[in-house]
Amino acid sequence: MFAKNGPAGLDAQQESALRYNHLAEREAAKIPGLEGANARDLRIVGVAGAGTMGSGIAAALLAAGYDVICVEQNREAAEEGRARIVAIFERRVASGRLARDDMDERLARLTCAHAIAAFAPCDLVIEAVFD
């Protein structure tokens, strides 16, 4: 049995499930007590951990225009994390997908540190430490 006005090929149960999902998603976005609240501006994002995942997250944030502060457990790990992020952008430059000037501008917005206090100016911190 097919619904009268539903998408072609869906039976009534499938259409009902899609409708329920759509309405549930809309309702989930409404958080009681936050009506009229404005989203906070994000300019500086911290990344805890600059391993494979953390450096990829940091590179994506830099590409999106954010200032990024990466914090690692010690100076050596912070330097290695910075080198991983630089390598990500250098591969993009080498493949012609990124101009060197753009890489330099992104890296100018990157800070790598080994003290958790470096997160103080961050608007958001993302955890990406090795388990």
N, C-alpha and C. Protein backbone atom coordinates (compact mmCIF):
# COMPACT_ATOMS: atom_id res chain seq x y z
N MET A 1 0.84 -1.18 0.00
CA MET A 1 0.00 0.00 0.00
C MET A 1 0.89 1.25 0.00
N PHE A 2 0.69 2.16 -0.93
CA PHE A 2 1.47 3.37 -1.06
C PHE A 2 0.67 4.57 -0.57
N ALA A 3 1.35 5.50 0.04
CA ALA A 3 0.70 6.72 0.51
C ALA A 3 0.31 7.57 -0.69
N LYS A 4 -0.78 8.31 -0.54
CA LYS A 4 -1.28 9.14 -1.63
C LYS A 4 -0.29 10.20 -2.07
N ASN A 5 0.19 11.00 -1.12
CA ASN A 5 1.02 12.16 -1.46
C ASN A 5 2.49 11.99 -1.08
N GLY A 6 2.89 10.79 -0.71
CA GLY A 6 4.27 10.57 -0.27
C GLY A 6 5.21 10.42 -1.45
N PRO A 7 6.50 10.37 -1.15
CA PRO A 7 7.50 10.17 -2.20
C PRO A 7 7.24 8.87 -2.95
N ALA A 8 7.54 8.87 -4.23
CA ALA A 8 7.31 7.70 -5.06
C ALA A 8 8.08 6.50 -4.52
N GLY A 9 7.44 5.37 -4.47
CA GLY A 9 8.08 4.13 -4.08
C GLY A 9 8.08 3.85 -2.59
N LEU A 10 7.56 4.75 -1.76
CA LEU A 10 7.52 4.50 -0.32
C LEU A 10 6.15 4.03 0.09
N ASP A 11 6.11 3.02 0.95
CA ASP A 11 4.81 2.60 1.46
C ASP A 11 4.46 3.49 2.66
N ALA A 12 3.28 3.33 3.20
CA ALA A 12 2.79 4.20 4.27
C ALA A 12 3.68 4.12 5.51
N GLN A 13 4.18 2.94 5.83
CA GLN A 13 5.01 2.78 7.01
C GLN A 13 6.35 3.51 6.84
N GLN A 14 6.94 3.41 5.66
CA GLN A 14 8.20 4.11 5.40
C GLN A 14 7.99 5.62 5.43
N GLU A 15 6.91 6.07 4.82
CA GLU A 15 6.62 7.50 4.83
C GLU A 15 6.40 8.00 6.24
N SER A 16 5.69 7.23 7.04
CA SER A 16 5.44 7.61 8.43
C SER A 16 6.75 7.71 9.21
N ALA A 17 7.65 6.76 8.96
CA ALA A 17 8.94 6.77 9.64
C ALA A 17 9.75 8.00 9.24
N LEU A 18 9.75 8.35 7.96
CA LEU A 18 10.48 9.53 7.50
C LEU A 18 9.90 10.80 8.10
N ARG A 19 8.58 10.87 8.15
CA ARG A 19 7.92 12.04 8.73
C ARG A 19 8.28 12.17 10.21
N TYR A 20 8.23 11.04 10.94
CA TYR A 20 8.58 11.03 12.36
C TYR A 20 10.01 11.51 12.55
N ASN A 21 10.93 10.99 11.75
CA ASN A 21 12.34 11.37 11.85
C ASN A 21 12.52 12.86 11.60
N HIS A 22 11.87 13.37 10.58
CA HIS A 22 11.97 14.80 10.25
C HIS A 22 11.49 15.66 11.43
N LEU A 23 10.34 15.31 11.97
CA LEU A 23 9.80 16.10 13.08
C LEU A 23 10.65 15.94 14.34
N ALA A 24 11.19 14.76 14.58
CA ALA A 24 12.04 14.53 15.75
C ALA A 24 13.33 15.36 15.65
N GLU A 25 13.90 15.45 14.45
CA GLU A 25 15.11 16.26 14.26
C GLU A 25 14.82 17.73 14.53
N ARG A 26 13.69 18.21 14.07
CA ARG A 26 13.33 19.62 14.32
C ARG A 26 13.12 19.86 15.80
N GLU A 27 12.48 18.93 16.48
CA GLU A 27 12.20 19.09 17.91
C GLU A 27 13.48 19.00 18.74
N ALA A 28 14.41 18.15 18.34
CA ALA A 28 15.67 17.99 19.08
C ALA A 28 16.49 19.27 19.09
N ALA A 29 16.33 20.09 18.08
CA ALA A 29 17.08 21.35 18.00
C ALA A 29 16.53 22.41 18.94
N LYS A 30 15.35 22.19 19.49
CA LYS A 30 14.72 23.16 20.39
C LYS A 30 15.05 22.77 21.83
N ILE A 31 15.94 23.52 22.45
CA ILE A 31 16.36 23.22 23.81
C ILE A 31 15.63 24.17 24.75
N PRO A 32 14.83 23.62 25.67
CA PRO A 32 14.06 24.48 26.58
C PRO A 32 14.97 25.44 27.33
N GLY A 33 14.56 26.70 27.39
CA GLY A 33 15.31 27.72 28.10
C GLY A 33 16.33 28.45 27.25
N LEU A 34 16.54 27.99 26.01
CA LEU A 34 17.51 28.66 25.15
C LEU A 34 16.86 29.42 24.01
N GLU A 35 15.56 29.62 24.09
CA GLU A 35 14.88 30.37 23.05
C GLU A 35 15.48 31.77 22.98
N GLY A 36 15.81 32.21 21.81
CA GLY A 36 16.36 33.55 21.61
C GLY A 36 17.83 33.68 21.94
N ALA A 37 18.47 32.60 22.38
CA ALA A 37 19.91 32.67 22.68
C ALA A 37 20.70 32.77 21.39
N ASN A 38 21.77 33.51 21.43
CA ASN A 38 22.63 33.66 20.27
C ASN A 38 23.85 32.77 20.41
N ALA A 39 24.29 32.24 19.30
CA ALA A 39 25.49 31.42 19.30
C ALA A 39 26.70 32.30 19.61
N ARG A 40 27.64 31.73 20.29
CA ARG A 40 28.87 32.43 20.66
C ARG A 40 29.80 32.50 19.46
N ASP A 41 30.48 33.62 19.30
CA ASP A 41 31.47 33.74 18.23
C ASP A 41 32.67 32.86 18.55
N LEU A 42 33.12 32.13 17.56
CA LEU A 42 34.32 31.31 17.71
C LEU A 42 35.43 31.92 16.87
N ARG A 43 36.50 32.32 17.53
CA ARG A 43 37.65 32.84 16.80
C ARG A 43 38.90 32.01 17.08
N ILE A 44 39.02 31.57 18.35
CA ILE A 44 40.20 30.81 18.75
C ILE A 44 39.74 29.44 19.24
N VAL A 45 40.27 28.39 18.60
CA VAL A 45 39.89 27.03 18.97
C VAL A 45 41.14 26.29 19.43
N GLY A 46 41.01 25.63 20.56
CA GLY A 46 42.11 24.83 21.08
C GLY A 46 41.94 23.37 20.68
N VAL A 47 43.06 22.70 20.49
CA VAL A 47 43.04 21.26 20.21
C VAL A 47 43.99 20.61 21.21
N ALA A 48 43.44 19.76 22.06
CA ALA A 48 44.25 19.03 23.04
C ALA A 48 44.76 17.77 22.37
N GLY A 49 46.04 17.76 22.06
CA GLY A 49 46.65 16.64 21.37
C GLY A 49 46.92 16.99 19.92
N ALA A 50 48.16 16.78 19.49
CA ALA A 50 48.53 17.11 18.11
C ALA A 50 49.10 15.90 17.40
N GLY A 51 48.51 14.74 17.70
CA GLY A 51 48.90 13.52 17.00
C GLY A 51 48.25 13.51 15.62
N THR A 52 48.05 12.34 15.08
CA THR A 52 47.47 12.24 13.73
C THR A 52 46.10 12.90 13.67
N MET A 53 45.22 12.57 14.61
CA MET A 53 43.87 13.12 14.58
C MET A 53 43.88 14.61 14.95
N GLY A 54 44.60 14.97 16.01
CA GLY A 54 44.63 16.36 16.45
C GLY A 54 45.22 17.29 15.40
N SER A 55 46.27 16.84 14.72
CA SER A 55 46.87 17.69 13.69
C SER A 55 45.93 17.85 12.50
N GLY A 56 45.19 16.80 12.17
CA GLY A 56 44.20 16.91 11.09
C GLY A 56 43.07 17.86 11.45
N ILE A 57 42.62 17.79 12.69
CA ILE A 57 41.58 18.71 13.17
C ILE A 57 42.10 20.14 13.13
N ALA A 58 43.33 20.34 13.61
CA ALA A 58 43.92 21.68 13.61
C ALA A 58 44.04 22.23 12.20
N ALA A 59 44.49 21.39 11.24
CA ALA A 59 44.62 21.84 9.85
C ALA A 59 43.27 22.23 9.28
N ALA A 60 42.23 21.46 9.58
CA ALA A 60 40.89 21.79 9.09
C ALA A 60 40.40 23.11 9.68
N LEU A 61 40.66 23.32 10.96
CA LEU A 61 40.25 24.57 11.61
C LEU A 61 41.00 25.76 11.03
N LEU A 62 42.29 25.60 10.78
CA LEU A 62 43.07 26.67 10.17
C LEU A 62 42.55 26.98 8.76
N ALA A 63 42.22 25.94 8.01
CA ALA A 63 41.68 26.13 6.66
C ALA A 63 40.34 26.85 6.70
N ALA A 64 39.59 26.65 7.79
CA ALA A 64 38.29 27.31 7.94
C ALA A 64 38.41 28.74 8.45
N GLY A 65 39.64 29.18 8.78
CA GLY A 65 39.84 30.56 9.18
C GLY A 65 39.99 30.81 10.67
N TYR A 66 40.01 29.77 11.47
CA TYR A 66 40.14 29.94 12.92
C TYR A 66 41.61 30.06 13.33
N ASP A 67 41.84 30.77 14.42
CA ASP A 67 43.13 30.72 15.09
C ASP A 67 43.12 29.43 15.90
N VAL A 68 44.25 28.73 15.96
CA VAL A 68 44.28 27.43 16.62
C VAL A 68 45.44 27.38 17.61
N ILE A 69 45.12 26.86 18.78
CA ILE A 69 46.14 26.61 19.79
C ILE A 69 46.14 25.11 20.07
N CYS A 70 47.25 24.45 19.74
CA CYS A 70 47.41 23.02 20.02
C CYS A 70 48.25 22.88 21.28
N VAL A 71 47.82 22.01 22.16
CA VAL A 71 48.58 21.75 23.38
C VAL A 71 48.92 20.27 23.45
N GLU A 72 50.17 20.00 23.67
CA GLU A 72 50.67 18.63 23.82
C GLU A 72 51.26 18.48 25.22
N GLN A 73 51.67 17.26 25.56
CA GLN A 73 52.13 16.98 26.91
C GLN A 73 53.54 17.50 27.22
N ASN A 74 54.35 17.73 26.18
CA ASN A 74 55.69 18.28 26.41
C ASN A 74 56.14 19.04 25.16
N ARG A 75 57.26 19.73 25.29
CA ARG A 75 57.76 20.58 24.19
C ARG A 75 58.04 19.77 22.93
N GLU A 76 58.66 18.61 23.08
CA GLU A 76 59.00 17.78 21.93
C GLU A 76 57.74 17.34 21.17
N ALA A 77 56.72 16.90 21.90
CA ALA A 77 55.47 16.48 21.27
C ALA A 77 54.78 17.65 20.57
N ALA A 78 54.87 18.85 21.17
CA ALA A 78 54.28 20.04 20.56
C ALA A 78 54.98 20.38 19.25
N GLU A 79 56.31 20.27 19.24
CA GLU A 79 57.07 20.54 18.02
C GLU A 79 56.76 19.50 16.93
N GLU A 80 56.62 18.24 17.33
CA GLU A 80 56.26 17.19 16.37
C GLU A 80 54.86 17.42 15.80
N GLY A 81 53.94 17.87 16.66
CA GLY A 81 52.59 18.18 16.21
C GLY A 81 52.58 19.30 15.19
N ARG A 82 53.35 20.34 15.48
CA ARG A 82 53.46 21.46 14.53
C ARG A 82 54.02 20.97 13.20
N ALA A 83 55.03 20.11 13.25
CA ALA A 83 55.63 19.57 12.03
C ALA A 83 54.60 18.77 11.22
N ARG A 84 53.73 18.02 11.91
CA ARG A 84 52.67 17.27 11.20
C ARG A 84 51.70 18.21 10.49
N ILE A 85 51.34 19.30 11.16
CA ILE A 85 50.41 20.27 10.56
C ILE A 85 51.07 20.96 9.37
N VAL A 86 52.33 21.35 9.52
CA VAL A 86 53.07 21.96 8.41
C VAL A 86 53.11 20.99 7.23
N ALA A 87 53.37 19.71 7.50
CA ALA A 87 53.45 18.70 6.44
C ALA A 87 52.12 18.57 5.69
N ILE A 88 51.02 18.67 6.41
CA ILE A 88 49.70 18.60 5.76
C ILE A 88 49.58 19.71 4.72
N PHE A 89 49.94 20.93 5.13
CA PHE A 89 49.82 22.06 4.21
C PHE A 89 50.86 22.01 3.10
N GLU A 90 52.05 21.53 3.41
CA GLU A 90 53.08 21.43 2.37
C GLU A 90 52.67 20.44 1.28
N ARG A 91 52.00 19.35 1.66
CA ARG A 91 51.50 18.40 0.65
C ARG A 91 50.46 19.08 -0.25
N ARG A 92 49.63 19.93 0.34
CA ARG A 92 48.62 20.64 -0.46
C ARG A 92 49.27 21.65 -1.40
N VAL A 93 50.33 22.31 -0.93
CA VAL A 93 51.06 23.24 -1.78
C VAL A 93 51.71 22.48 -2.92
N ALA A 94 52.37 21.36 -2.61
CA ALA A 94 53.06 20.57 -3.63
C ALA A 94 52.11 20.04 -4.70
N SER A 95 50.86 19.75 -4.30
CA SER A 95 49.88 19.24 -5.27
C SER A 95 49.16 20.36 -6.01
N GLY A 96 49.45 21.61 -5.66
CA GLY A 96 48.82 22.74 -6.34
C GLY A 96 47.45 23.10 -5.81
N ARG A 97 47.05 22.49 -4.70
CA ARG A 97 45.72 22.77 -4.14
C ARG A 97 45.73 23.94 -3.15
N LEU A 98 46.92 24.44 -2.83
CA LEU A 98 47.03 25.54 -1.88
C LEU A 98 48.24 26.40 -2.27
N ALA A 99 48.05 27.71 -2.24
CA ALA A 99 49.15 28.63 -2.52
C ALA A 99 50.04 28.74 -1.29
N ARG A 100 51.33 28.92 -1.51
CA ARG A 100 52.28 29.03 -0.39
C ARG A 100 51.91 30.19 0.53
N ASP A 101 51.46 31.32 -0.04
CA ASP A 101 51.06 32.46 0.79
C ASP A 101 49.90 32.08 1.72
N ASP A 102 48.97 31.28 1.20
CA ASP A 102 47.84 30.84 2.03
C ASP A 102 48.34 29.91 3.15
N MET A 103 49.29 29.06 2.83
CA MET A 103 49.86 28.19 3.85
C MET A 103 50.51 29.03 4.94
N ASP A 104 51.29 30.02 4.55
CA ASP A 104 51.97 30.87 5.52
C ASP A 104 50.98 31.63 6.40
N GLU A 105 49.88 32.09 5.79
CA GLU A 105 48.85 32.81 6.55
C GLU A 105 48.20 31.87 7.56
N ARG A 106 47.93 30.65 7.17
CA ARG A 106 47.33 29.68 8.09
C ARG A 106 48.28 29.36 9.23
N LEU A 107 49.53 29.10 8.91
CA LEU A 107 50.49 28.74 9.95
C LEU A 107 50.76 29.90 10.90
N ALA A 108 50.57 31.13 10.45
CA ALA A 108 50.72 32.29 11.34
C ALA A 108 49.64 32.30 12.41
N ARG A 109 48.53 31.63 12.16
CA ARG A 109 47.43 31.56 13.13
C ARG A 109 47.52 30.32 14.02
N LEU A 110 48.61 29.59 13.94
CA LEU A 110 48.81 28.37 14.71
C LEU A 110 49.79 28.59 15.85
N THR A 111 49.40 28.17 17.04
CA THR A 111 50.28 28.18 18.20
C THR A 111 50.32 26.76 18.74
N CYS A 112 51.51 26.23 18.97
CA CYS A 112 51.67 24.92 19.59
C CYS A 112 52.37 25.12 20.92
N ALA A 113 51.82 24.55 21.96
CA ALA A 113 52.34 24.75 23.31
C ALA A 113 52.35 23.43 24.07
N HIS A 114 52.95 23.46 25.25
CA HIS A 114 52.96 22.25 26.09
C HIS A 114 52.42 22.53 27.49
N ALA A 115 51.77 23.67 27.66
CA ALA A 115 51.16 24.00 28.95
C ALA A 115 49.67 24.21 28.74
N ILE A 116 48.87 23.58 29.56
CA ILE A 116 47.41 23.66 29.42
C ILE A 116 46.91 25.10 29.57
N ALA A 117 47.67 25.95 30.24
CA ALA A 117 47.29 27.36 30.41
C ALA A 117 47.19 28.08 29.06
N ALA A 118 47.80 27.52 28.03
CA ALA A 118 47.73 28.12 26.69
C ALA A 118 46.30 28.14 26.16
N PHE A 119 45.42 27.31 26.72
CA PHE A 119 44.02 27.27 26.29
C PHE A 119 43.21 28.45 26.82
N ALA A 120 43.76 29.27 27.68
CA ALA A 120 43.01 30.35 28.33
C ALA A 120 42.22 31.24 27.37
N PRO A 121 42.76 31.66 26.22
CA PRO A 121 41.99 32.54 25.34
C PRO A 121 41.02 31.81 24.41
N CYS A 122 40.96 30.49 24.49
CA CYS A 122 40.14 29.71 23.53
C CYS A 122 38.64 29.88 23.79
N ASP A 123 37.91 29.95 22.70
CA ASP A 123 36.45 29.97 22.76
C ASP A 123 35.89 28.55 22.82
N LEU A 124 36.68 27.59 22.34
CA LEU A 124 36.28 26.18 22.31
C LEU A 124 37.56 25.35 22.33
N VAL A 125 37.51 24.21 23.02
CA VAL A 125 38.64 23.28 23.03
C VAL A 125 38.13 21.90 22.61
N ILE A 126 38.83 21.30 21.67
CA ILE A 126 38.50 19.96 21.18
C ILE A 126 39.54 18.98 21.70
N GLU A 127 39.08 17.90 22.29
CA GLU A 127 39.98 16.90 22.84
C GLU A 127 40.30 15.86 21.78
N ALA A 128 41.59 15.65 21.54
CA ALA A 128 42.03 14.65 20.57
C ALA A 128 43.30 13.97 21.06
N VAL A 129 43.34 13.66 22.36
CA VAL A 129 44.53 13.04 22.93
C VAL A 129 44.55 11.55 22.67
N PHE A 130 45.75 11.00 22.66
CA PHE A 130 45.95 9.57 22.43
C PHE A 130 45.50 8.82 23.67
N ASP A 131 44.71 7.78 23.47
CA ASP A 131 44.22 6.97 24.61
C ASP A 131 45.21 5.90 24.98
